[in-house]
Amino acid sequence: MENTHSSALIAKHAGLDARIAAESCRPAPDNALIATLKKQKLKIKEALQQS
């Protein structure tokens, strides 16, 4: 069960990474959105470390 949860968190983390990269490459990136995505990514990273 924990392994499935970790896998899901890793997938979410990678998805957020891709969204951050895509937003950063836009001509006028939304910095507020990037900050929000980075915070979500950090929360996932912290959850993975606790697992």
N, C-alpha and C. Protein backbone atom coordinates (compact mmCIF):
# COMPACT_ATOMS: atom_id res chain seq x y z
N MET A 1 0.83 -1.19 0.00
CA MET A 1 0.00 0.00 0.00
C MET A 1 0.88 1.25 0.00
N GLU A 2 1.90 1.28 0.85
CA GLU A 2 2.76 2.45 0.94
C GLU A 2 3.52 2.65 -0.37
N ASN A 3 3.91 1.56 -1.02
CA ASN A 3 4.63 1.65 -2.28
C ASN A 3 3.76 2.28 -3.36
N THR A 4 2.48 1.94 -3.40
CA THR A 4 1.55 2.52 -4.36
C THR A 4 1.40 4.01 -4.09
N HIS A 5 1.30 4.36 -2.84
CA HIS A 5 1.17 5.78 -2.46
C HIS A 5 2.42 6.56 -2.87
N SER A 6 3.58 6.00 -2.63
CA SER A 6 4.84 6.64 -3.02
C SER A 6 4.92 6.80 -4.52
N SER A 7 4.50 5.79 -5.25
CA SER A 7 4.52 5.86 -6.71
C SER A 7 3.60 6.96 -7.21
N ALA A 8 2.45 7.09 -6.59
CA ALA A 8 1.51 8.14 -6.99
C ALA A 8 2.11 9.52 -6.69
N LEU A 9 2.76 9.66 -5.55
CA LEU A 9 3.38 10.94 -5.21
C LEU A 9 4.51 11.28 -6.18
N ILE A 10 5.29 10.29 -6.55
CA ILE A 10 6.38 10.51 -7.50
C ILE A 10 5.82 10.94 -8.85
N ALA A 11 4.74 10.33 -9.27
CA ALA A 11 4.11 10.70 -10.54
C ALA A 11 3.57 12.13 -10.49
N LYS A 12 2.95 12.49 -9.37
CA LYS A 12 2.45 13.86 -9.21
C LYS A 12 3.60 14.86 -9.23
N HIS A 13 4.69 14.51 -8.55
CA HIS A 13 5.87 15.36 -8.49
C HIS A 13 6.41 15.60 -9.91
N ALA A 14 6.50 14.55 -10.70
CA ALA A 14 6.99 14.66 -12.08
C ALA A 14 6.04 15.49 -12.93
N GLY A 15 4.74 15.32 -12.71
CA GLY A 15 3.75 16.10 -13.46
C GLY A 15 3.86 17.59 -13.15
N LEU A 16 4.05 17.90 -11.87
CA LEU A 16 4.22 19.29 -11.48
C LEU A 16 5.49 19.87 -12.07
N ASP A 17 6.54 19.07 -12.10
CA ASP A 17 7.81 19.50 -12.68
C ASP A 17 7.61 19.87 -14.16
N ALA A 18 6.86 19.04 -14.87
CA ALA A 18 6.59 19.29 -16.29
C ALA A 18 5.75 20.56 -16.47
N ARG A 19 4.76 20.76 -15.61
CA ARG A 19 3.93 21.96 -15.70
C ARG A 19 4.74 23.22 -15.42
N ILE A 20 5.64 23.14 -14.44
CA ILE A 20 6.51 24.29 -14.13
C ILE A 20 7.40 24.61 -15.32
N ALA A 21 7.98 23.58 -15.91
CA ALA A 21 8.86 23.78 -17.07
C ALA A 21 8.09 24.38 -18.24
N ALA A 22 6.89 23.87 -18.49
CA ALA A 22 6.08 24.38 -19.60
C ALA A 22 5.69 25.84 -19.37
N GLU A 23 5.30 26.16 -18.16
CA GLU A 23 4.89 27.53 -17.85
C GLU A 23 6.09 28.47 -17.93
N SER A 24 7.25 28.02 -17.52
CA SER A 24 8.45 28.85 -17.55
C SER A 24 8.89 29.17 -18.97
N CYS A 25 8.56 28.29 -19.92
CA CYS A 25 8.97 28.49 -21.32
C CYS A 25 8.03 29.40 -22.09
N ARG A 26 6.87 29.71 -21.53
CA ARG A 26 5.93 30.60 -22.22
C ARG A 26 6.52 31.99 -22.33
N PRO A 27 6.09 32.75 -23.34
CA PRO A 27 6.59 34.12 -23.50
C PRO A 27 6.32 35.02 -22.29
N ALA A 28 5.16 34.85 -21.67
CA ALA A 28 4.82 35.64 -20.48
C ALA A 28 4.37 34.68 -19.38
N PRO A 29 5.33 34.03 -18.70
CA PRO A 29 4.95 33.04 -17.68
C PRO A 29 4.20 33.67 -16.51
N ASP A 30 3.26 32.90 -15.97
CA ASP A 30 2.48 33.33 -14.81
C ASP A 30 3.27 32.96 -13.55
N ASN A 31 3.94 33.95 -12.99
CA ASN A 31 4.80 33.70 -11.83
C ASN A 31 4.03 33.23 -10.61
N ALA A 32 2.79 33.69 -10.45
CA ALA A 32 1.97 33.24 -9.32
C ALA A 32 1.66 31.75 -9.46
N LEU A 33 1.35 31.33 -10.67
CA LEU A 33 1.07 29.91 -10.91
C LEU A 33 2.31 29.07 -10.66
N ILE A 34 3.45 29.55 -11.13
CA ILE A 34 4.71 28.82 -10.92
C ILE A 34 5.00 28.68 -9.43
N ALA A 35 4.78 29.74 -8.68
CA ALA A 35 5.02 29.69 -7.23
C ALA A 35 4.09 28.67 -6.56
N THR A 36 2.83 28.65 -6.99
CA THR A 36 1.86 27.70 -6.43
C THR A 36 2.27 26.27 -6.75
N LEU A 37 2.69 26.04 -7.99
CA LEU A 37 3.10 24.70 -8.39
C LEU A 37 4.34 24.26 -7.61
N LYS A 38 5.27 25.18 -7.39
CA LYS A 38 6.48 24.85 -6.64
C LYS A 38 6.15 24.50 -5.19
N LYS A 39 5.18 25.20 -4.61
CA LYS A 39 4.76 24.89 -3.23
C LYS A 39 4.15 23.49 -3.17
N GLN A 40 3.31 23.17 -4.16
CA GLN A 40 2.71 21.84 -4.21
C GLN A 40 3.78 20.77 -4.35
N LYS A 41 4.77 21.05 -5.19
CA LYS A 41 5.87 20.12 -5.41
C LYS A 41 6.65 19.90 -4.12
N LEU A 42 6.89 20.96 -3.37
CA LEU A 42 7.61 20.86 -2.10
C LEU A 42 6.83 20.03 -1.09
N LYS A 43 5.51 20.20 -1.02
CA LYS A 43 4.69 19.42 -0.10
C LYS A 43 4.77 17.93 -0.44
N ILE A 44 4.77 17.63 -1.74
CA ILE A 44 4.88 16.23 -2.16
C ILE A 44 6.24 15.67 -1.79
N LYS A 45 7.29 16.47 -1.98
CA LYS A 45 8.64 16.03 -1.63
C LYS A 45 8.73 15.73 -0.14
N GLU A 46 8.14 16.59 0.68
CA GLU A 46 8.15 16.38 2.13
C GLU A 46 7.38 15.12 2.49
N ALA A 47 6.26 14.87 1.82
CA ALA A 47 5.48 13.67 2.08
C ALA A 47 6.26 12.41 1.71
N LEU A 48 7.02 12.50 0.64
CA LEU A 48 7.84 11.35 0.22
C LEU A 48 8.95 11.06 1.24
N GLN A 49 9.53 12.10 1.80
CA GLN A 49 10.59 11.92 2.78
C GLN A 49 10.07 11.31 4.06
N GLN A 50 8.82 11.56 4.40
CA GLN A 50 8.23 11.01 5.61
C GLN A 50 7.82 9.55 5.44
N SER A 51 7.65 9.13 4.19
CA SER A 51 7.22 7.74 3.91
C SER A 51 8.34 6.77 4.18
